[in-house]
C-alpha atoms as a PDB file:
ATOM      1  CA  MET A   1       0.059  15.676   2.634  1.00  0.00           C
ATOM      2  CA  LYS A   2       3.563  16.614   2.120  1.00  0.00           C
ATOM      3  CA  ARG A   3       5.238  13.780   4.415  1.00  0.00           C
ATOM      4  CA  ALA A   4       3.091  11.100   3.303  1.00  0.00           C
ATOM      5  CA  THR A   5       4.486  12.003  -0.271  1.00  0.00           C
ATOM      6  CA  ARG A   6       7.713  12.118   0.692  1.00  0.00           C
ATOM      7  CA  ALA A   7       7.723   9.158   2.339  1.00  0.00           C
ATOM      8  CA  LEU A   8       6.292   7.489  -1.083  1.00  0.00           C
ATOM      9  CA  ASN A   9       8.529   9.070  -2.736  1.00  0.00           C
ATOM     10  CA  ALA A  10      11.933   7.310  -0.832  1.00  0.00           C
ATOM     11  CA  VAL A  11      10.650   3.987  -1.163  1.00  0.00           C
ATOM     12  CA  GLU A  12       9.638   3.938  -4.878  1.00  0.00           C
ATOM     13  CA  PRO A  13      12.464   2.141  -7.517  1.00  0.00           C
ATOM     14  CA  GLU A  14      13.977   4.637 -10.014  1.00  0.00           C
ATOM     15  CA  GLY A  15      12.086   2.408 -13.016  1.00  0.00           C
ATOM     16  CA  ALA A  16       8.889   1.883 -11.372  1.00  0.00           C
ATOM     17  CA  SER A  17       5.579   2.973 -13.105  1.00  0.00           C
ATOM     18  CA  ARG A  18       2.818   4.572 -11.667  1.00  0.00           C
ATOM     19  CA  GLU A  19      -0.409   2.645 -12.372  1.00  0.00           C
ATOM     20  CA  ASP A  20      -2.582   4.083 -10.056  1.00  0.00           C
ATOM     21  CA  SER A  21      -2.549   6.557  -7.185  1.00  0.00           C
ATOM     22  CA  GLY A  22      -4.620   8.208  -4.551  1.00  0.00           C
ATOM     23  CA  THR A  23      -5.958   9.453  -1.319  1.00  0.00           C
ATOM     24  CA  ALA A  24      -7.886   8.341   1.773  1.00  0.00           C
ATOM     25  CA  THR A  25      -9.086   9.842   4.790  1.00  0.00           C
ATOM     26  CA  LEU A  26      -8.422   8.423   7.670  1.00  0.00           C
ATOM     27  CA  ALA A  27     -11.876   8.132   8.889  1.00  0.00           C
ATOM     28  CA  ARG A  28     -13.395   6.787   5.745  1.00  0.00           C
ATOM     29  CA  GLY A  29     -10.349   4.096   5.532  1.00  0.00           C
ATOM     30  CA  LEU A  30      -9.821   2.320   1.750  1.00  0.00           C
ATOM     31  CA  ASP A  31     -11.495  -0.415  -0.036  1.00  0.00           C
ATOM     32  CA  ARG A  32     -10.548  -0.820  -3.494  1.00  0.00           C
ATOM     33  CA  SER A  33      -9.714  -3.452  -6.003  1.00  0.00           C
ATOM     34  CA  PHE A  34      -7.069  -3.642  -8.579  1.00  0.00           C
ATOM     35  CA  MET A  35      -6.074  -5.096 -11.437  1.00  0.00           C
ATOM     36  CA  ALA A  36      -2.600  -6.351 -11.906  1.00  0.00           C
ATOM     37  CA  LYS A  37      -2.360  -7.337 -15.295  1.00  0.00           C
ATOM     38  CA  GLY A  38       0.598  -7.840 -17.414  1.00  0.00           C
ATOM     39  CA  ASP A  39       3.859  -9.724 -16.811  1.00  0.00           C
ATOM     40  CA  ARG A  40       5.782  -7.089 -14.238  1.00  0.00           C
ATOM     41  CA  PRO A  41       5.548  -7.399 -10.776  1.00  0.00           C
ATOM     42  CA  TYR A  42       3.640  -4.960  -8.954  1.00  0.00           C
ATOM     43  CA  THR A  43       4.299  -3.032  -5.460  1.00  0.00           C
ATOM     44  CA  PHE A  44       1.431  -1.132  -3.498  1.00  0.00           C
ATOM     45  CA  ASP A  45       2.763   1.403  -1.475  1.00  0.00           C
ATOM     46  CA  ILE A  46       0.964   3.070   1.248  1.00  0.00           C
ATOM     47  CA  ALA A  47       1.907   6.141   3.941  1.00  0.00           C
ATOM     48  CA  CYS A  48      -0.219   7.793   6.458  1.00  0.00           C
ATOM     49  CA  GLN A  49      -0.457  11.066   8.510  1.00  0.00           C
ATOM     50  CA  ALA A  50      -2.145  12.171  11.271  1.00  0.00           C
ATOM     51  CA  ALA A  51      -2.690  14.774  13.641  1.00  0.00           C
ATOM     52  CA  ALA A  52      -1.809  12.451  16.461  1.00  0.00           C
ATOM     53  CA  PRO A  53       0.367   8.978  16.567  1.00  0.00           C
ATOM     54  CA  HIS A  54      -1.696   6.356  14.949  1.00  0.00           C
ATOM     55  CA  THR A  55      -1.555   2.525  13.195  1.00  0.00           C
ATOM     56  CA  VAL A  56      -4.070   1.149  10.501  1.00  0.00           C
ATOM     57  CA  ALA A  57      -4.732  -2.037   9.759  1.00  0.00           C
ATOM     58  CA  LEU A  58      -4.197  -2.552   5.903  1.00  0.00           C
ATOM     59  CA  THR A  59      -5.339  -5.965   4.833  1.00  0.00           C
ATOM     60  CA  LEU A  60      -4.505  -7.092   1.255  1.00  0.00           C
ATOM     61  CA  ALA A  61      -6.347  -9.665  -0.372  1.00  0.00           C
ATOM     62  CA  ARG A  62      -6.218 -12.050  -3.034  1.00  0.00           C
ATOM     63  CA  GLY A  63      -8.621 -14.960  -4.229  1.00  0.00           C
ATOM     64  CA  ASP A  64      -8.920 -17.034  -0.880  1.00  0.00           C
ATOM     65  CA  ALA A  65      -5.127 -15.430   0.568  1.00  0.00           C
ATOM     66  CA  GLU A  66      -5.417 -12.940   2.479  1.00  0.00           C
ATOM     67  CA  SER A  67      -2.786 -10.898   4.906  1.00  0.00           C
ATOM     68  CA  GLU A  68      -2.703  -8.114   6.841  1.00  0.00           C
ATOM     69  CA  TRP A  69      -0.598  -5.302   8.062  1.00  0.00           C
ATOM     70  CA  GLU A  70      -0.102  -2.642  10.177  1.00  0.00           C
ATOM     71  CA  VAL A  71       0.807   0.955   8.875  1.00  0.00           C
ATOM     72  CA  ASP A  72       2.261   3.325  11.505  1.00  0.00           C
ATOM     73  CA  CYS A  73       1.490   7.108  10.420  1.00  0.00           C
ATOM     74  CA  GLY A  74       4.099   9.634   9.994  1.00  0.00           C
ATOM     75  CA  ASP A  75       7.255   7.183   9.140  1.00  0.00           C
ATOM     76  CA  ARG A  76       9.557   8.442   6.945  1.00  0.00           C
ATOM     77  CA  GLU A  77       9.497   5.781   4.201  1.00  0.00           C
ATOM     78  CA  ALA A  78       6.027   4.462   3.013  1.00  0.00           C
ATOM     79  CA  ASP A  79       5.151   0.805   3.578  1.00  0.00           C
ATOM     80  CA  GLN A  80       5.963  -1.404   0.341  1.00  0.00           C
ATOM     81  CA  PHE A  81       4.132  -4.581  -0.203  1.00  0.00           C
ATOM     82  CA  ASN A  82       5.372  -6.884  -3.238  1.00  0.00           C
ATOM     83  CA  ILE A  83       2.306  -8.453  -5.408  1.00  0.00           C
ATOM     84  CA  PRO A  84       2.835 -10.506  -8.884  1.00  0.00           C
ATOM     85  CA  ALA A  85       0.775  -9.870 -11.964  1.00  0.00           C
ATOM     86  CA  GLY A  86      -2.061 -12.174 -12.337  1.00  0.00           C
ATOM     87  CA  ALA A  87      -5.876 -11.782 -10.942  1.00  0.00           C
ATOM     88  CA  PRO A  88      -7.058  -8.599  -9.293  1.00  0.00           C
ATOM     89  CA  PHE A  89      -6.572  -7.980  -5.397  1.00  0.00           C
ATOM     90  CA  THR A  90      -7.848  -5.405  -2.813  1.00  0.00           C
ATOM     91  CA  ALA A  91      -6.370  -3.793  -0.566  1.00  0.00           C
ATOM     92  CA  THR A  92      -8.563  -2.324   2.825  1.00  0.00           C
ATOM     93  CA  VAL A  93      -7.751   0.200   5.498  1.00  0.00           C
ATOM     94  CA  THR A  94     -10.156  -0.271   8.101  1.00  0.00           C
ATOM     95  CA  PRO A  95     -11.943   3.175   8.917  1.00  0.00           C
ATOM     96  CA  ALA A  96     -10.390   5.121  12.050  1.00  0.00           C
ATOM     97  CA  LYS A  97     -13.235   6.919  14.511  1.00  0.00           C
ATOM     98  CA  ARG A  98     -15.133   9.430  12.476  1.00  0.00           C
ATOM     99  CA  ASP A  99     -12.765  12.179  14.462  1.00  0.00           C
ATOM    100  CA  THR A 100      -9.760  10.967  13.763  1.00  0.00           C
ATOM    101  CA  ASP A 101      -7.808  13.258  11.189  1.00  0.00           C
ATOM    102  CA  GLY A 102      -5.370  12.354   8.804  1.00  0.00           C
ATOM    103  CA  LEU A 103      -5.036  11.371   5.278  1.00  0.00           C
ATOM    104  CA  ILE A 104      -3.903   7.832   3.441  1.00  0.00           C
ATOM    105  CA  LEU A 105      -1.875   8.333   0.698  1.00  0.00           C
ATOM    106  CA  TRP A 106      -1.401   5.172  -2.238  1.00  0.00           C
ATOM    107  CA  ARG A 107       0.583   4.287  -4.910  1.00  0.00           C
ATOM    108  CA  LEU A 108       0.138   1.012  -7.261  1.00  0.00           C
ATOM    109  CA  ASN A 109       3.481   0.740  -9.355  1.00  0.00           C
ATOM    110  CA  THR A 110       4.922  -1.871 -11.523  1.00  0.00           C
ATOM    111  CA  ILE A 111       8.375  -2.537 -11.526  1.00  0.00           C
ATOM    112  CA  ALA A 112      11.400  -4.547 -12.881  1.00  0.00           C
ATOM    113  CA  PRO A 113      11.649  -7.956 -11.298  1.00  0.00           C
ATOM    114  CA  GLU A 114      14.960  -7.140  -9.976  1.00  0.00           C
ATOM    115  CA  ASP A 115      13.365  -4.487  -7.818  1.00  0.00           C
ATOM    116  CA  VAL A 116      11.692  -6.894  -6.360  1.00  0.00           C
ATOM    117  CA  GLN A 117      13.057  -7.068  -2.366  1.00  0.00           C
ATOM    118  CA  ASP A 118      12.348  -9.265   0.479  1.00  0.00           C
ATOM    119  CA  CYS A 119       9.334 -11.305  -0.428  1.00  0.00           C
ATOM    120  CA  GLU A 120       7.848 -11.941  -4.040  1.00  0.00           C
ATOM    121  CA  ASP A 121       4.264 -12.365  -3.002  1.00  0.00           C
ATOM    122  CA  ASP A 122       3.081 -10.189   0.227  1.00  0.00           C
ATOM    123  CA  ILE A 123      -0.135 -11.677   0.470  1.00  0.00           C
ATOM    124  CA  THR A 124       0.247 -15.420  -0.203  1.00  0.00           C
ATOM    125  CA  GLU A 125       4.129 -16.165   0.742  1.00  0.00           C
ATOM    126  CA  CYS A 126       5.293 -13.576   3.426  1.00  0.00           C
ATOM    127  CA  GLY A 127       2.201 -13.355   5.862  1.00  0.00           C
ATOM    128  CA  SER A 128       2.298 -10.911   8.853  1.00  0.00           C
END
């Protein structure tokens, strides 16, 4: 869990404001809806740790738009996805096999518009 927390800290912009965070087991996966209110953009940051090499499939969806991403467990930096403010969105990680040992850690932050890097909307515009 410490490694995944360090990976999340490694990508968090200095002026980020935490809106939500959580932990899930790889065997259980993640299926969560998030509000994206206000006028500041969001980042959804995700890291995972597993006893053996493992990759999880993350799906981000808003309305009819959906994008799928692969997240490698054990990376030194969390994967970070930009989500503009607006309608609610969902983040889903497909559950692993029951006996898969590991954790998923995630954070939802608001950030300053100038802190958005690469793509402004990783759900609809940039694809996987």
